[in-house]
């Protein structure tokens, strides 16, 4: 079992997220792995004023 401190907080360790319509997609924070490295390699994405991800 993985260390609880390494679980991705965005997807709660599942590796998948879902939008309002139920479409599932890979978590952009952990890249679908469900865990993040402790060395700080998590990529911070750009967001607009409404906290929407910018592509």
PDB file of N, CA and C in Angstrom:
ATOM      1  N   UNK A   1       0.837  -1.181   0.000  1.00  0.00           N
ATOM      2  CA  UNK A   1       0.000   0.000   0.000  1.00  0.00           C
ATOM      3  C   UNK A   1       0.884   1.247   0.000  1.00  0.00           C
ATOM      4  N   UNK A   2       0.511   2.214  -0.811  1.00  0.00           N
ATOM      5  CA  UNK A   2       1.308   3.433  -0.946  1.00  0.00           C
ATOM      6  C   UNK A   2       1.152   4.319   0.278  1.00  0.00           C
ATOM      7  N   UNK A   3       2.157   5.122   0.505  1.00  0.00           N
ATOM      8  CA  UNK A   3       2.129   6.073   1.607  1.00  0.00           C
ATOM      9  C   UNK A   3       1.000   7.075   1.388  1.00  0.00           C
ATOM     10  N   UNK A   4       0.209   7.306   2.411  1.00  0.00           N
ATOM     11  CA  UNK A   4      -0.952   8.194   2.301  1.00  0.00           C
ATOM     12  C   UNK A   4      -0.543   9.626   1.974  1.00  0.00           C
ATOM     13  N   UNK A   5       0.635  10.050   2.396  1.00  0.00           N
ATOM     14  CA  UNK A   5       1.100  11.399   2.118  1.00  0.00           C
ATOM     15  C   UNK A   5       1.449  11.600   0.649  1.00  0.00           C
ATOM     16  N   UNK A   6       1.640  10.523  -0.089  1.00  0.00           N
ATOM     17  CA  UNK A   6       1.979  10.635  -1.503  1.00  0.00           C
ATOM     18  C   UNK A   6       0.755  10.548  -2.400  1.00  0.00           C
ATOM     19  N   UNK A   7      -0.435  10.287  -1.855  1.00  0.00           N
ATOM     20  CA  UNK A   7      -1.646  10.251  -2.670  1.00  0.00           C
ATOM     21  C   UNK A   7      -1.932  11.627  -3.243  1.00  0.00           C
ATOM     22  N   UNK A   8      -2.321  11.656  -4.481  1.00  0.00           N
ATOM     23  CA  UNK A   8      -2.679  12.909  -5.137  1.00  0.00           C
ATOM     24  C   UNK A   8      -3.951  13.454  -4.487  1.00  0.00           C
ATOM     25  N   UNK A   9      -3.902  14.691  -4.047  1.00  0.00           N
ATOM     26  CA  UNK A   9      -5.059  15.288  -3.387  1.00  0.00           C
ATOM     27  C   UNK A   9      -6.156  15.672  -4.378  1.00  0.00           C
ATOM     28  N   UNK A  10      -5.804  15.889  -5.627  1.00  0.00           N
ATOM     29  CA  UNK A  10      -6.791  16.281  -6.629  1.00  0.00           C
ATOM     30  C   UNK A  10      -7.728  15.127  -6.983  1.00  0.00           C
ATOM     31  N   UNK A  11      -7.183  13.930  -7.135  1.00  0.00           N
ATOM     32  CA  UNK A  11      -8.008  12.773  -7.529  1.00  0.00           C
ATOM     33  C   UNK A  11      -8.168  11.762  -6.404  1.00  0.00           C
ATOM     34  N   UNK A  12      -7.651  12.077  -5.229  1.00  0.00           N
ATOM     35  CA  UNK A  12      -7.736  11.218  -4.045  1.00  0.00           C
ATOM     36  C   UNK A  12      -7.114   9.842  -4.286  1.00  0.00           C
ATOM     37  N   UNK A  13      -6.054   9.810  -5.080  1.00  0.00           N
ATOM     38  CA  UNK A  13      -5.323   8.581  -5.318  1.00  0.00           C
ATOM     39  C   UNK A  13      -5.920   7.663  -6.364  1.00  0.00           C
ATOM     40  N   UNK A  14      -6.991   8.090  -7.031  1.00  0.00           N
ATOM     41  CA  UNK A  14      -7.642   7.255  -8.043  1.00  0.00           C
ATOM     42  C   UNK A  14      -6.988   7.366  -9.415  1.00  0.00           C
ATOM     43  N   UNK A  15      -6.418   8.531  -9.718  1.00  0.00           N
ATOM     44  CA  UNK A  15      -5.797   8.729 -11.024  1.00  0.00           C
ATOM     45  C   UNK A  15      -6.757   9.222 -12.089  1.00  0.00           C
ATOM     46  N   UNK A  16      -8.047   9.278 -11.762  1.00  0.00           N
ATOM     47  CA  UNK A  16      -9.058   9.720 -12.715  1.00  0.00           C
ATOM     48  C   UNK A  16      -9.924  10.797 -12.077  1.00  0.00           C
ATOM     49  N   UNK A  17     -10.386  11.744 -12.893  1.00  0.00           N
ATOM     50  CA  UNK A  17     -11.327  12.766 -12.481  1.00  0.00           C
ATOM     51  C   UNK A  17     -12.536  12.706 -13.398  1.00  0.00           C
ATOM     52  N   UNK A  18     -13.649  13.293 -12.983  1.00  0.00           N
ATOM     53  CA  UNK A  18     -14.847  13.336 -13.811  1.00  0.00           C
ATOM     54  C   UNK A  18     -15.394  14.757 -13.816  1.00  0.00           C
ATOM     55  N   UNK A  19     -15.954  15.155 -14.965  1.00  0.00           N
ATOM     56  CA  UNK A  19     -16.550  16.484 -15.034  1.00  0.00           C
ATOM     57  C   UNK A  19     -18.017  16.414 -14.637  1.00  0.00           C
ATOM     58  N   UNK A  20     -18.739  17.518 -14.790  1.00  0.00           N
ATOM     59  CA  UNK A  20     -20.139  17.590 -14.377  1.00  0.00           C
ATOM     60  C   UNK A  20     -21.044  16.639 -15.153  1.00  0.00           C
ATOM     61  N   UNK A  21     -20.662  16.311 -16.364  1.00  0.00           N
ATOM     62  CA  UNK A  21     -21.468  15.426 -17.198  1.00  0.00           C
ATOM     63  C   UNK A  21     -21.102  13.959 -17.040  1.00  0.00           C
ATOM     64  N   UNK A  22     -20.110  13.664 -16.215  1.00  0.00           N
ATOM     65  CA  UNK A  22     -19.717  12.285 -15.968  1.00  0.00           C
ATOM     66  C   UNK A  22     -18.591  11.775 -16.849  1.00  0.00           C
ATOM     67  N   UNK A  23     -18.067  12.614 -17.738  1.00  0.00           N
ATOM     68  CA  UNK A  23     -16.938  12.206 -18.559  1.00  0.00           C
ATOM     69  C   UNK A  23     -15.713  12.069 -17.679  1.00  0.00           C
ATOM     70  N   UNK A  24     -15.012  10.955 -17.796  1.00  0.00           N
ATOM     71  CA  UNK A  24     -13.826  10.733 -16.988  1.00  0.00           C
ATOM     72  C   UNK A  24     -12.570  11.012 -17.806  1.00  0.00           C
ATOM     73  N   UNK A  25     -11.555  11.523 -17.125  1.00  0.00           N
ATOM     74  CA  UNK A  25     -10.286  11.829 -17.773  1.00  0.00           C
ATOM     75  C   UNK A  25      -9.163  11.646 -16.776  1.00  0.00           C
ATOM     76  N   UNK A  26      -7.974  11.487 -17.296  1.00  0.00           N
ATOM     77  CA  UNK A  26      -6.790  11.288 -16.460  1.00  0.00           C
ATOM     78  C   UNK A  26      -6.509  12.555 -15.657  1.00  0.00           C
ATOM     79  N   UNK A  27      -6.117  12.385 -14.418  1.00  0.00           N
ATOM     80  CA  UNK A  27      -5.833  13.514 -13.534  1.00  0.00           C
ATOM     81  C   UNK A  27      -4.631  14.301 -14.062  1.00  0.00           C
ATOM     82  N   UNK A  28      -4.784  15.618 -14.306  1.00  0.00           N
ATOM     83  CA  UNK A  28      -3.664  16.407 -14.821  1.00  0.00           C
ATOM     84  C   UNK A  28      -2.599  16.696 -13.768  1.00  0.00           C
ATOM     85  N   UNK A  29      -2.916  16.543 -12.501  1.00  0.00           N
ATOM     86  CA  UNK A  29      -1.948  16.834 -11.448  1.00  0.00           C
ATOM     87  C   UNK A  29      -0.928  15.711 -11.326  1.00  0.00           C
ATOM     88  N   UNK A  30      -1.407  14.468 -11.254  1.00  0.00           N
ATOM     89  CA  UNK A  30      -0.493  13.336 -11.078  1.00  0.00           C
ATOM     90  C   UNK A  30      -0.247  12.568 -12.376  1.00  0.00           C
ATOM     91  N   UNK A  31      -0.902  12.973 -13.449  1.00  0.00           N
ATOM     92  CA  UNK A  31      -0.729  12.288 -14.726  1.00  0.00           C
ATOM     93  C   UNK A  31      -1.383  10.921 -14.765  1.00  0.00           C
ATOM     94  N   UNK A  32      -2.357  10.678 -13.891  1.00  0.00           N
ATOM     95  CA  UNK A  32      -3.069   9.402 -13.863  1.00  0.00           C
ATOM     96  C   UNK A  32      -2.422   8.363 -12.977  1.00  0.00           C
ATOM     97  N   UNK A  33      -1.345   8.720 -12.300  1.00  0.00           N
ATOM     98  CA  UNK A  33      -0.641   7.757 -11.451  1.00  0.00           C
ATOM     99  C   UNK A  33      -1.319   7.569 -10.100  1.00  0.00           C
ATOM    100  N   UNK A  34      -2.035   8.574  -9.617  1.00  0.00           N
ATOM    101  CA  UNK A  34      -2.685   8.482  -8.323  1.00  0.00           C
ATOM    102  C   UNK A  34      -1.803   8.885  -7.160  1.00  0.00           C
ATOM    103  N   UNK A  35      -0.542   9.136  -7.433  1.00  0.00           N
ATOM    104  CA  UNK A  35       0.374   9.568  -6.382  1.00  0.00           C
ATOM    105  C   UNK A  35       1.319  10.618  -6.949  1.00  0.00           C
ATOM    106  N   UNK A  36       1.839  11.431  -6.068  1.00  0.00           N
ATOM    107  CA  UNK A  36       2.787  12.464  -6.478  1.00  0.00           C
ATOM    108  C   UNK A  36       4.102  12.230  -5.779  1.00  0.00           C
ATOM    109  N   UNK A  37       5.173  12.606  -6.442  1.00  0.00           N
ATOM    110  CA  UNK A  37       6.502  12.443  -5.871  1.00  0.00           C
ATOM    111  C   UNK A  37       6.746  13.504  -4.811  1.00  0.00           C
ATOM    112  N   UNK A  38       7.486  13.141  -3.793  1.00  0.00           N
ATOM    113  CA  UNK A  38       7.773  14.087  -2.733  1.00  0.00           C
ATOM    114  C   UNK A  38       8.862  15.078  -3.113  1.00  0.00           C
ATOM    115  N   UNK A  39       9.511  14.877  -4.233  1.00  0.00           N
ATOM    116  CA  UNK A  39      10.586  15.786  -4.621  1.00  0.00           C
ATOM    117  C   UNK A  39      10.068  17.051  -5.286  1.00  0.00           C
ATOM    118  N   UNK A  40       8.758  17.239  -5.282  1.00  0.00           N
ATOM    119  CA  UNK A  40       8.187  18.487  -5.785  1.00  0.00           C
ATOM    120  C   UNK A  40       8.103  18.587  -7.285  1.00  0.00           C
ATOM    121  N   UNK A  41       7.913  17.476  -7.983  1.00  0.00           N
ATOM    122  CA  UNK A  41       7.847  17.520  -9.435  1.00  0.00           C
ATOM    123  C   UNK A  41       6.436  17.774  -9.948  1.00  0.00           C
ATOM    124  N   UNK A  42       5.494  18.062  -9.076  1.00  0.00           N
ATOM    125  CA  UNK A  42       4.140  18.349  -9.511  1.00  0.00           C
ATOM    126  C   UNK A  42       4.132  19.650 -10.304  1.00  0.00           C
ATOM    127  N   UNK A  43       3.554  19.584 -11.488  1.00  0.00           N
ATOM    128  CA  UNK A  43       3.519  20.740 -12.373  1.00  0.00           C
ATOM    129  C   UNK A  43       2.349  21.646 -11.990  1.00  0.00           C
ATOM    130  N   UNK A  44       2.618  22.921 -11.788  1.00  0.00           N
ATOM    131  CA  UNK A  44       1.569  23.894 -11.499  1.00  0.00           C
ATOM    132  C   UNK A  44       1.096  24.446 -12.831  1.00  0.00           C
ATOM    133  N   UNK A  45      -0.185  24.348 -13.085  1.00  0.00           N
ATOM    134  CA  UNK A  45      -0.732  24.781 -14.354  1.00  0.00           C
ATOM    135  C   UNK A  45      -1.222  26.215 -14.266  1.00  0.00           C
ATOM    136  N   UNK A  46      -1.345  26.849 -15.424  1.00  0.00           N
ATOM    137  CA  UNK A  46      -1.865  28.199 -15.467  1.00  0.00           C
ATOM    138  C   UNK A  46      -3.388  28.166 -15.425  1.00  0.00           C
ATOM    139  N   UNK A  47      -3.978  29.089 -14.678  1.00  0.00           N
ATOM    140  CA  UNK A  47      -5.431  29.194 -14.589  1.00  0.00           C
ATOM    141  C   UNK A  47      -5.849  30.627 -14.863  1.00  0.00           C
ATOM    142  N   UNK A  48      -7.115  30.799 -15.250  1.00  0.00           N
ATOM    143  CA  UNK A  48      -7.628  32.150 -15.452  1.00  0.00           C
ATOM    144  C   UNK A  48      -8.222  32.670 -14.151  1.00  0.00           C
ATOM    145  N   UNK A  49      -8.896  33.824 -14.198  1.00  0.00           N
ATOM    146  CA  UNK A  49      -9.424  34.437 -12.981  1.00  0.00           C
ATOM    147  C   UNK A  49     -10.523  33.611 -12.322  1.00  0.00           C
ATOM    148  N   UNK A  50     -11.112  32.652 -13.050  1.00  0.00           N
ATOM    149  CA  UNK A  50     -12.136  31.767 -12.487  1.00  0.00           C
ATOM    150  C   UNK A  50     -11.579  30.403 -12.103  1.00  0.00           C
ATOM    151  N   UNK A  51     -10.247  30.292 -12.053  1.00  0.00           N
ATOM    152  CA  UNK A  51      -9.540  29.049 -11.722  1.00  0.00           C
ATOM    153  C   UNK A  51      -9.806  27.926 -12.700  1.00  0.00           C
ATOM    154  N   UNK A  52     -10.047  28.266 -13.966  1.00  0.00           N
ATOM    155  CA  UNK A  52     -10.179  27.264 -15.020  1.00  0.00           C
ATOM    156  C   UNK A  52      -8.811  27.041 -15.628  1.00  0.00           C
ATOM    157  N   UNK A  53      -8.504  25.782 -15.938  1.00  0.00           N
ATOM    158  CA  UNK A  53      -7.199  25.465 -16.521  1.00  0.00           C
ATOM    159  C   UNK A  53      -7.105  26.037 -17.928  1.00  0.00           C
ATOM    160  N   UNK A  54      -5.945  26.601 -18.230  1.00  0.00           N
ATOM    161  CA  UNK A  54      -5.697  27.122 -19.562  1.00  0.00           C
ATOM    162  C   UNK A  54      -4.960  26.074 -20.381  1.00  0.00           C
ATOM    163  N   UNK A  55      -5.440  25.768 -21.569  1.00  0.00           N
ATOM    164  CA  UNK A  55      -4.798  24.780 -22.436  1.00  0.00           C
ATOM    165  C   UNK A  55      -3.751  25.426 -23.294  1.00  0.00           C
TER     166      UNK A  55
END
